[in-house]
Amino acid sequence: EQIEGVKYDELVEIQMQNGEIRHGQVLEVSKDKA
């Protein structure tokens, strides 16, 4: 939530609490939620 300027199909980096990096993709954007 509380996102700005995010687009559909955009690539995402997810950093977990232990520092591990995972990847994702934006499936849907609605107002300030992705």
PDB file of all heavy atoms in Angstrom:
ATOM      1  N   GLU A   1       0.832  -1.215   0.000  1.00  0.00           N
ATOM      2  CA  GLU A   1       0.000   0.000   0.000  1.00  0.00           C
ATOM      3  C   GLU A   1       0.865   1.263   0.000  1.00  0.00           C
ATOM      4  O   GLU A   1       2.090   1.201   0.116  1.00  0.00           O
ATOM      5  CB  GLU A   1      -0.937  -0.016   1.214  1.00  0.00           C
ATOM      6  CG  GLU A   1      -1.943  -1.158   1.165  1.00  0.00           C
ATOM      7  CD  GLU A   1      -3.046  -1.028   2.201  1.00  0.00           C
ATOM      8  OE1 GLU A   1      -2.978  -0.121   3.041  1.00  0.00           O
ATOM      9  OE2 GLU A   1      -3.981  -1.861   2.169  1.00  0.00           O
ATOM     10  N   GLN A   2       0.165   2.423  -0.172  1.00  0.00           N
ATOM     11  CA  GLN A   2       0.787   3.755  -0.143  1.00  0.00           C
ATOM     12  C   GLN A   2       1.891   3.901  -1.210  1.00  0.00           C
ATOM     13  O   GLN A   2       2.964   4.446  -0.961  1.00  0.00           O
ATOM     14  CB  GLN A   2       1.358   4.066   1.248  1.00  0.00           C
ATOM     15  CG  GLN A   2       0.290   4.077   2.345  1.00  0.00           C
ATOM     16  CD  GLN A   2       0.898   4.096   3.738  1.00  0.00           C
ATOM     17  OE1 GLN A   2       1.951   4.673   3.957  1.00  0.00           O
ATOM     18  NE2 GLN A   2       0.219   3.466   4.687  1.00  0.00           N
ATOM     19  N   ILE A   3       1.617   3.378  -2.389  1.00  0.00           N
ATOM     20  CA  ILE A   3       2.619   3.417  -3.466  1.00  0.00           C
ATOM     21  C   ILE A   3       2.386   4.624  -4.368  1.00  0.00           C
ATOM     22  O   ILE A   3       1.297   5.196  -4.399  1.00  0.00           O
ATOM     23  CB  ILE A   3       2.559   2.120  -4.309  1.00  0.00           C
ATOM     24  CG1 ILE A   3       1.129   1.918  -4.835  1.00  0.00           C
ATOM     25  CG2 ILE A   3       3.014   0.927  -3.514  1.00  0.00           C
ATOM     26  CD1 ILE A   3       0.999   1.036  -6.001  1.00  0.00           C
ATOM     27  N   GLU A   4       3.389   4.961  -5.156  1.00  0.00           N
ATOM     28  CA  GLU A   4       3.284   6.078  -6.111  1.00  0.00           C
ATOM     29  C   GLU A   4       3.940   5.686  -7.424  1.00  0.00           C
ATOM     30  O   GLU A   4       5.040   5.130  -7.426  1.00  0.00           O
ATOM     31  CB  GLU A   4       4.005   7.324  -5.566  1.00  0.00           C
ATOM     32  CG  GLU A   4       3.299   8.010  -4.423  1.00  0.00           C
ATOM     33  CD  GLU A   4       4.155   9.148  -3.859  1.00  0.00           C
ATOM     34  OE1 GLU A   4       5.171   9.486  -4.488  1.00  0.00           O
ATOM     35  OE2 GLU A   4       3.820   9.652  -2.787  1.00  0.00           O
ATOM     36  N   GLY A   5       3.272   5.989  -8.538  1.00  0.00           N
ATOM     37  CA  GLY A   5       3.880   5.828  -9.861  1.00  0.00           C
ATOM     38  C   GLY A   5       4.213   4.411 -10.266  1.00  0.00           C
ATOM     39  O   GLY A   5       5.044   4.196 -11.150  1.00  0.00           O
ATOM     40  N   VAL A   6       3.582   3.416  -9.642  1.00  0.00           N
ATOM     41  CA  VAL A   6       3.866   2.015  -9.983  1.00  0.00           C
ATOM     42  C   VAL A   6       3.008   1.600 -11.176  1.00  0.00           C
ATOM     43  O   VAL A   6       1.838   1.978 -11.272  1.00  0.00           O
ATOM     44  CB  VAL A   6       3.592   1.101  -8.762  1.00  0.00           C
ATOM     45  CG1 VAL A   6       3.671  -0.366  -9.150  1.00  0.00           C
ATOM     46  CG2 VAL A   6       4.591   1.395  -7.654  1.00  0.00           C
ATOM     47  N   LYS A   7       3.584   0.815 -12.101  1.00  0.00           N
ATOM     48  CA  LYS A   7       2.878   0.421 -13.324  1.00  0.00           C
ATOM     49  C   LYS A   7       2.658  -1.091 -13.373  1.00  0.00           C
ATOM     50  O   LYS A   7       3.432  -1.862 -12.800  1.00  0.00           O
ATOM     51  CB  LYS A   7       3.667   0.872 -14.558  1.00  0.00           C
ATOM     52  CG  LYS A   7       3.774   2.397 -14.681  1.00  0.00           C
ATOM     53  CD  LYS A   7       4.462   2.823 -15.954  1.00  0.00           C
ATOM     54  CE  LYS A   7       5.963   2.664 -15.919  1.00  0.00           C
ATOM     55  NZ  LYS A   7       6.625   3.510 -14.922  1.00  0.00           N
ATOM     56  N   TYR A   8       1.632  -1.486 -14.133  1.00  0.00           N
ATOM     57  CA  TYR A   8       1.306  -2.905 -14.354  1.00  0.00           C
ATOM     58  C   TYR A   8       2.504  -3.621 -14.993  1.00  0.00           C
ATOM     59  O   TYR A   8       3.196  -3.068 -15.842  1.00  0.00           O
ATOM     60  CB  TYR A   8       0.078  -2.988 -15.268  1.00  0.00           C
ATOM     61  CG  TYR A   8      -0.256  -4.373 -15.746  1.00  0.00           C
ATOM     62  CD1 TYR A   8      -0.778  -5.322 -14.880  1.00  0.00           C
ATOM     63  CD2 TYR A   8      -0.048  -4.744 -17.083  1.00  0.00           C
ATOM     64  CE1 TYR A   8      -1.080  -6.599 -15.317  1.00  0.00           C
ATOM     65  CE2 TYR A   8      -0.348  -6.014 -17.530  1.00  0.00           C
ATOM     66  CZ  TYR A   8      -0.865  -6.942 -16.641  1.00  0.00           C
ATOM     67  OH  TYR A   8      -1.158  -8.210 -17.079  1.00  0.00           O
ATOM     68  N   ASP A   9       2.764  -4.862 -14.588  1.00  0.00           N
ATOM     69  CA  ASP A   9       3.826  -5.726 -15.137  1.00  0.00           C
ATOM     70  C   ASP A   9       5.237  -5.329 -14.712  1.00  0.00           C
ATOM     71  O   ASP A   9       6.218  -5.906 -15.179  1.00  0.00           O
ATOM     72  CB  ASP A   9       3.779  -5.757 -16.681  1.00  0.00           C
ATOM     73  CG  ASP A   9       3.257  -7.095 -17.177  1.00  0.00           C
ATOM     74  OD1 ASP A   9       2.993  -7.972 -16.335  1.00  0.00           O
ATOM     75  OD2 ASP A   9       3.109  -7.268 -18.391  1.00  0.00           O
ATOM     76  N   GLU A  10       5.343  -4.329 -13.816  1.00  0.00           N
ATOM     77  CA  GLU A  10       6.662  -3.862 -13.382  1.00  0.00           C
ATOM     78  C   GLU A  10       7.358  -4.936 -12.536  1.00  0.00           C
ATOM     79  O   GLU A  10       6.715  -5.683 -11.809  1.00  0.00           O
ATOM     80  CB  GLU A  10       6.455  -2.584 -12.541  1.00  0.00           C
ATOM     81  CG  GLU A  10       7.657  -1.690 -12.465  1.00  0.00           C
ATOM     82  CD  GLU A  10       7.315  -0.348 -11.804  1.00  0.00           C
ATOM     83  OE1 GLU A  10       6.321   0.305 -12.207  1.00  0.00           O
ATOM     84  OE2 GLU A  10       8.037   0.017 -10.872  1.00  0.00           O
ATOM     85  N   LEU A  11       8.671  -4.990 -12.651  1.00  0.00           N
ATOM     86  CA  LEU A  11       9.462  -5.934 -11.872  1.00  0.00           C
ATOM     87  C   LEU A  11       9.633  -5.408 -10.442  1.00  0.00           C
ATOM     88  O   LEU A  11       9.755  -4.201 -10.232  1.00  0.00           O
ATOM     89  CB  LEU A  11      10.839  -6.098 -12.526  1.00  0.00           C
ATOM     90  CG  LEU A  11      11.629  -7.355 -12.203  1.00  0.00           C
ATOM     91  CD1 LEU A  11      10.849  -8.611 -12.526  1.00  0.00           C
ATOM     92  CD2 LEU A  11      12.947  -7.347 -12.965  1.00  0.00           C
ATOM     93  N   VAL A  12       9.629  -6.337  -9.471  1.00  0.00           N
ATOM     94  CA  VAL A  12       9.672  -5.938  -8.055  1.00  0.00           C
ATOM     95  C   VAL A  12      10.803  -6.694  -7.346  1.00  0.00           C
ATOM     96  O   VAL A  12      11.024  -7.884  -7.610  1.00  0.00           O
ATOM     97  CB  VAL A  12       8.327  -6.287  -7.368  1.00  0.00           C
ATOM     98  CG1 VAL A  12       8.335  -5.864  -5.904  1.00  0.00           C
ATOM     99  CG2 VAL A  12       7.161  -5.631  -8.098  1.00  0.00           C
ATOM    100  N   GLU A  13      11.502  -6.013  -6.453  1.00  0.00           N
ATOM    101  CA  GLU A  13      12.511  -6.640  -5.580  1.00  0.00           C
ATOM    102  C   GLU A  13      11.942  -6.690  -4.173  1.00  0.00           C
ATOM    103  O   GLU A  13      11.488  -5.667  -3.652  1.00  0.00           O
ATOM    104  CB  GLU A  13      13.791  -5.804  -5.576  1.00  0.00           C
ATOM    105  CG  GLU A  13      14.950  -6.476  -6.248  1.00  0.00           C
ATOM    106  CD  GLU A  13      16.200  -5.612  -6.238  1.00  0.00           C
ATOM    107  OE1 GLU A  13      16.436  -4.918  -5.229  1.00  0.00           O
ATOM    108  OE2 GLU A  13      16.921  -5.624  -7.244  1.00  0.00           O
ATOM    109  N   ILE A  14      11.963  -7.857  -3.550  1.00  0.00           N
ATOM    110  CA  ILE A  14      11.418  -8.001  -2.193  1.00  0.00           C
ATOM    111  C   ILE A  14      12.574  -8.406  -1.275  1.00  0.00           C
ATOM    112  O   ILE A  14      13.176  -9.479  -1.474  1.00  0.00           O
ATOM    113  CB  ILE A  14      10.310  -9.085  -2.175  1.00  0.00           C
ATOM    114  CG1 ILE A  14       9.188  -8.701  -3.148  1.00  0.00           C
ATOM    115  CG2 ILE A  14       9.762  -9.283  -0.767  1.00  0.00           C
ATOM    116  CD1 ILE A  14       8.490  -9.862  -3.788  1.00  0.00           C
ATOM    117  N   GLN A  15      12.898  -7.550  -0.313  1.00  0.00           N
ATOM    118  CA  GLN A  15      13.982  -7.860   0.628  1.00  0.00           C
ATOM    119  C   GLN A  15      13.368  -8.345   1.925  1.00  0.00           C
ATOM    120  O   GLN A  15      12.626  -7.620   2.593  1.00  0.00           O
ATOM    121  CB  GLN A  15      14.863  -6.629   0.874  1.00  0.00           C
ATOM    122  CG  GLN A  15      16.084  -6.960   1.732  1.00  0.00           C
ATOM    123  CD  GLN A  15      17.021  -5.773   1.899  1.00  0.00           C
ATOM    124  OE1 GLN A  15      17.026  -4.861   1.093  1.00  0.00           O
ATOM    125  NE2 GLN A  15      17.811  -5.786   2.967  1.00  0.00           N
ATOM    126  N   MET A  16      13.690  -9.592   2.279  1.00  0.00           N
ATOM    127  CA  MET A  16      13.127 -10.178   3.502  1.00  0.00           C
ATOM    128  C   MET A  16      13.916  -9.741   4.731  1.00  0.00           C
ATOM    129  O   MET A  16      14.981  -9.130   4.621  1.00  0.00           O
ATOM    130  CB  MET A  16      13.104 -11.696   3.374  1.00  0.00           C
ATOM    131  CG  MET A  16      12.134 -12.155   2.300  1.00  0.00           C
ATOM    132  SD  MET A  16      12.243 -13.901   1.938  1.00  0.00           S
ATOM    133  CE  MET A  16      11.860 -14.634   3.520  1.00  0.00           C
ATOM    134  N   GLN A  17      13.364 -10.084   5.897  1.00  0.00           N
ATOM    135  CA  GLN A  17      13.969  -9.651   7.165  1.00  0.00           C
ATOM    136  C   GLN A  17      15.396 -10.173   7.361  1.00  0.00           C
ATOM    137  O   GLN A  17      16.214  -9.561   8.032  1.00  0.00           O
ATOM    138  CB  GLN A  17      13.077 -10.048   8.357  1.00  0.00           C
ATOM    139  CG  GLN A  17      12.888 -11.548   8.553  1.00  0.00           C
ATOM    140  CD  GLN A  17      11.815 -12.156   7.647  1.00  0.00           C
ATOM    141  OE1 GLN A  17      11.287 -11.476   6.764  1.00  0.00           O
ATOM    142  NE2 GLN A  17      11.497 -13.416   7.856  1.00  0.00           N
ATOM    143  N   ASN A  18      15.729 -11.304   6.694  1.00  0.00           N
ATOM    144  CA  ASN A  18      17.080 -11.873   6.837  1.00  0.00           C
ATOM    145  C   ASN A  18      18.033 -11.399   5.727  1.00  0.00           C
ATOM    146  O   ASN A  18      19.128 -11.923   5.568  1.00  0.00           O
ATOM    147  CB  ASN A  18      17.015 -13.403   6.848  1.00  0.00           C
ATOM    148  CG  ASN A  18      16.381 -13.957   5.577  1.00  0.00           C
ATOM    149  OD1 ASN A  18      16.005 -13.193   4.687  1.00  0.00           O
ATOM    150  ND2 ASN A  18      16.252 -15.267   5.503  1.00  0.00           N
ATOM    151  N   GLY A  19      17.576 -10.436   4.928  1.00  0.00           N
ATOM    152  CA  GLY A  19      18.422  -9.889   3.860  1.00  0.00           C
ATOM    153  C   GLY A  19      18.270 -10.589   2.521  1.00  0.00           C
ATOM    154  O   GLY A  19      18.770 -10.117   1.502  1.00  0.00           O
ATOM    155  N   GLU A  20      17.568 -11.751   2.512  1.00  0.00           N
ATOM    156  CA  GLU A  20      17.373 -12.493   1.246  1.00  0.00           C
ATOM    157  C   GLU A  20      16.536 -11.656   0.267  1.00  0.00           C
ATOM    158  O   GLU A  20      15.557 -11.019   0.666  1.00  0.00           O
ATOM    159  CB  GLU A  20      16.655 -13.816   1.559  1.00  0.00           C
ATOM    160  CG  GLU A  20      16.449 -14.690   0.337  1.00  0.00           C
ATOM    161  CD  GLU A  20      15.473 -15.843   0.570  1.00  0.00           C
ATOM    162  OE1 GLU A  20      15.293 -16.254   1.747  1.00  0.00           O
ATOM    163  OE2 GLU A  20      14.869 -16.303  -0.412  1.00  0.00           O
ATOM    164  N   ILE A  21      16.931 -11.674  -1.001  1.00  0.00           N
ATOM    165  CA  ILE A  21      16.188 -10.919  -2.027  1.00  0.00           C
ATOM    166  C   ILE A  21      15.350 -11.893  -2.853  1.00  0.00           C
ATOM    167  O   ILE A  21      15.867 -12.903  -3.356  1.00  0.00           O
ATOM    168  CB  ILE A  21      17.154 -10.162  -2.970  1.00  0.00           C
ATOM    169  CG1 ILE A  21      18.024  -9.168  -2.194  1.00  0.00           C
ATOM    170  CG2 ILE A  21      16.391  -9.455  -4.081  1.00  0.00           C
ATOM    171  CD1 ILE A  21      17.359  -7.887  -1.788  1.00  0.00           C
ATOM    172  N   ARG A  22      14.058 -11.601  -2.967  1.00  0.00           N
ATOM    173  CA  ARG A  22      13.190 -12.344  -3.876  1.00  0.00           C
ATOM    174  C   ARG A  22      12.663 -11.389  -4.940  1.00  0.00           C
ATOM    175  O   ARG A  22      12.783 -10.179  -4.803  1.00  0.00           O
ATOM    176  CB  ARG A  22      12.033 -13.003  -3.108  1.00  0.00           C
ATOM    177  CG  ARG A  22      12.530 -14.090  -2.183  1.00  0.00           C
ATOM    178  CD  ARG A  22      11.417 -14.895  -1.564  1.00  0.00           C
ATOM    179  NE  ARG A  22      11.951 -15.832  -0.575  1.00  0.00           N
ATOM    180  CZ  ARG A  22      11.208 -16.605   0.183  1.00  0.00           C
ATOM    181  NH1 ARG A  22       9.892 -16.565   0.089  1.00  0.00           N
ATOM    182  NH2 ARG A  22      11.773 -17.416   1.054  1.00  0.00           N
ATOM    183  N   HIS A  23      12.080 -11.959  -5.973  1.00  0.00           N
ATOM    184  CA  HIS A  23      11.608 -11.116  -7.077  1.00  0.00           C
ATOM    185  C   HIS A  23      10.126 -11.337  -7.320  1.00  0.00           C
ATOM    186  O   HIS A  23       9.578 -12.383  -6.971  1.00  0.00           O
ATOM    187  CB  HIS A  23      12.402 -11.418  -8.347  1.00  0.00           C
ATOM    188  CG  HIS A  23      13.870 -11.168  -8.186  1.00  0.00           C
ATOM    189  ND1 HIS A  23      14.718 -12.138  -7.711  1.00  0.00           N
ATOM    190  CD2 HIS A  23      14.604 -10.049  -8.389  1.00  0.00           C
ATOM    191  CE1 HIS A  23      15.950 -11.635  -7.640  1.00  0.00           C
ATOM    192  NE2 HIS A  23      15.915 -10.374  -8.038  1.00  0.00           N
ATOM    193  N   GLY A  24       9.513 -10.347  -7.907  1.00  0.00           N
ATOM    194  CA  GLY A  24       8.084 -10.447  -8.193  1.00  0.00           C
ATOM    195  C   GLY A  24       7.713  -9.550  -9.363  1.00  0.00           C
ATOM    196  O   GLY A  24       8.573  -8.914  -9.981  1.00  0.00           O
ATOM    197  N   GLN A  25       6.400  -9.517  -9.625  1.00  0.00           N
ATOM    198  CA  GLN A  25       5.896  -8.743 -10.750  1.00  0.00           C
ATOM    199  C   GLN A  25       4.552  -8.140 -10.354  1.00  0.00           C
ATOM    200  O   GLN A  25       3.757  -8.798  -9.667  1.00  0.00           O
ATOM    201  CB  GLN A  25       5.723  -9.674 -11.954  1.00  0.00           C
ATOM    202  CG  GLN A  25       5.508  -8.979 -13.257  1.00  0.00           C
ATOM    203  CD  GLN A  25       5.523  -9.978 -14.415  1.00  0.00           C
ATOM    204  OE1 GLN A  25       5.508 -11.196 -14.196  1.00  0.00           O
ATOM    205  NE2 GLN A  25       5.537  -9.505 -15.633  1.00  0.00           N
ATOM    206  N   VAL A  26       4.301  -6.914 -10.780  1.00  0.00           N
ATOM    207  CA  VAL A  26       3.031  -6.248 -10.433  1.00  0.00           C
ATOM    208  C   VAL A  26       1.917  -6.837 -11.296  1.00  0.00           C
ATOM    209  O   VAL A  26       1.979  -6.819 -12.522  1.00  0.00           O
ATOM    210  CB  VAL A  26       3.137  -4.723 -10.655  1.00  0.00           C
ATOM    211  CG1 VAL A  26       1.794  -4.058 -10.384  1.00  0.00           C
ATOM    212  CG2 VAL A  26       4.210  -4.130  -9.754  1.00  0.00           C
ATOM    213  N   LEU A  27       0.900  -7.376 -10.612  1.00  0.00           N
ATOM    214  CA  LEU A  27      -0.247  -7.967 -11.313  1.00  0.00           C
ATOM    215  C   LEU A  27      -1.381  -6.968 -11.482  1.00  0.00           C
ATOM    216  O   LEU A  27      -2.153  -7.053 -12.429  1.00  0.00           O
ATOM    217  CB  LEU A  27      -0.800  -9.139 -10.498  1.00  0.00           C
ATOM    218  CG  LEU A  27      -0.215 -10.529 -10.682  1.00  0.00           C
ATOM    219  CD1 LEU A  27      -1.077 -11.530  -9.957  1.00  0.00           C
ATOM    220  CD2 LEU A  27      -0.144 -10.897 -12.148  1.00  0.00           C
ATOM    221  N   GLU A  28      -1.485  -6.055 -10.528  1.00  0.00           N
ATOM    222  CA  GLU A  28      -2.645  -5.169 -10.507  1.00  0.00           C
ATOM    223  C   GLU A  28      -2.284  -3.906  -9.730  1.00  0.00           C
ATOM    224  O   GLU A  28      -1.568  -3.964  -8.733  1.00  0.00           O
ATOM    225  CB  GLU A  28      -3.780  -5.901  -9.781  1.00  0.00           C
ATOM    226  CG  GLU A  28      -5.161  -5.474 -10.179  1.00  0.00           C
ATOM    227  CD  GLU A  28      -6.215  -6.362  -9.513  1.00  0.00           C
ATOM    228  OE1 GLU A  28      -6.175  -7.603  -9.678  1.00  0.00           O
ATOM    229  OE2 GLU A  28      -7.047  -5.792  -8.802  1.00  0.00           O
ATOM    230  N   VAL A  29      -2.758  -2.756 -10.218  1.00  0.00           N
ATOM    231  CA  VAL A  29      -2.557  -1.490  -9.500  1.00  0.00           C
ATOM    232  C   VAL A  29      -3.915  -0.821  -9.343  1.00  0.00           C
ATOM    233  O   VAL A  29      -4.667  -0.685 -10.310  1.00  0.00           O
ATOM    234  CB  VAL A  29      -1.600  -0.548 -10.260  1.00  0.00           C
ATOM    235  CG1 VAL A  29      -1.395   0.746  -9.481  1.00  0.00           C
ATOM    236  CG2 VAL A  29      -0.267  -1.213 -10.522  1.00  0.00           C
ATOM    237  N   SER A  30      -4.256  -0.442  -8.109  1.00  0.00           N
ATOM    238  CA  SER A  30      -5.523   0.236  -7.856  1.00  0.00           C
ATOM    239  C   SER A  30      -5.279   1.381  -6.872  1.00  0.00           C
ATOM    240  O   SER A  30      -4.947   1.143  -5.704  1.00  0.00           O
ATOM    241  CB  SER A  30      -6.536  -0.763  -7.283  1.00  0.00           C
ATOM    242  OG  SER A  30      -7.727  -0.096  -6.934  1.00  0.00           O
ATOM    243  N   LYS A  31      -5.383   2.610  -7.365  1.00  0.00           N
ATOM    244  CA  LYS A  31      -5.110   3.822  -6.556  1.00  0.00           C
ATOM    245  C   LYS A  31      -3.721   3.718  -5.929  1.00  0.00           C
ATOM    246  O   LYS A  31      -2.726   3.724  -6.636  1.00  0.00           O
ATOM    247  CB  LYS A  31      -6.221   4.031  -5.521  1.00  0.00           C
ATOM    248  CG  LYS A  31      -7.574   4.344  -6.168  1.00  0.00           C
ATOM    249  CD  LYS A  31      -8.662   4.488  -5.158  1.00  0.00           C
ATOM    250  CE  LYS A  31     -10.007   4.707  -5.858  1.00  0.00           C
ATOM    251  NZ  LYS A  31     -11.128   4.626  -4.942  1.00  0.00           N
ATOM    252  N   ASP A  32      -3.651   3.588  -4.590  1.00  0.00           N
ATOM    253  CA  ASP A  32      -2.328   3.545  -3.958  1.00  0.00           C
ATOM    254  C   ASP A  32      -1.954   2.131  -3.512  1.00  0.00           C
ATOM    255  O   ASP A  32      -1.110   1.938  -2.655  1.00  0.00           O
ATOM    256  CB  ASP A  32      -2.285   4.513  -2.759  1.00  0.00           C
ATOM    257  CG  ASP A  32      -3.179   4.030  -1.618  1.00  0.00           C
ATOM    258  OD1 ASP A  32      -4.096   3.221  -1.888  1.00  0.00           O
ATOM    259  OD2 ASP A  32      -2.960   4.436  -0.458  1.00  0.00           O
ATOM    260  N   LYS A  33      -2.594   1.104  -4.128  1.00  0.00           N
ATOM    261  CA  LYS A  33      -2.289  -0.295  -3.769  1.00  0.00           C
ATOM    262  C   LYS A  33      -1.772  -1.051  -4.992  1.00  0.00           C
ATOM    263  O   LYS A  33      -2.243  -0.819  -6.113  1.00  0.00           O
ATOM    264  CB  LYS A  33      -3.555  -1.014  -3.267  1.00  0.00           C
ATOM    265  CG  LYS A  33      -4.041  -0.559  -1.911  1.00  0.00           C
ATOM    266  CD  LYS A  33      -5.239  -1.402  -1.518  1.00  0.00           C
ATOM    267  CE  LYS A  33      -5.856  -0.898  -0.205  1.00  0.00           C
ATOM    268  NZ  LYS A  33      -7.067  -1.663   0.132  1.00  0.00           N
ATOM    269  N   ALA A  34      -0.828  -1.951  -4.748  1.00  0.00           N
ATOM    270  CA  ALA A  34      -0.335  -2.818  -5.830  1.00  0.00           C
ATOM    271  C   ALA A  34      -0.392  -4.265  -5.374  1.00  0.00           C
ATOM    272  O   ALA A  34      -0.057  -4.576  -4.219  1.00  0.00           O
ATOM    273  CB  ALA A  34       1.095  -2.454  -6.199  1.00  0.00           C
TER     274      ALA A  34
END
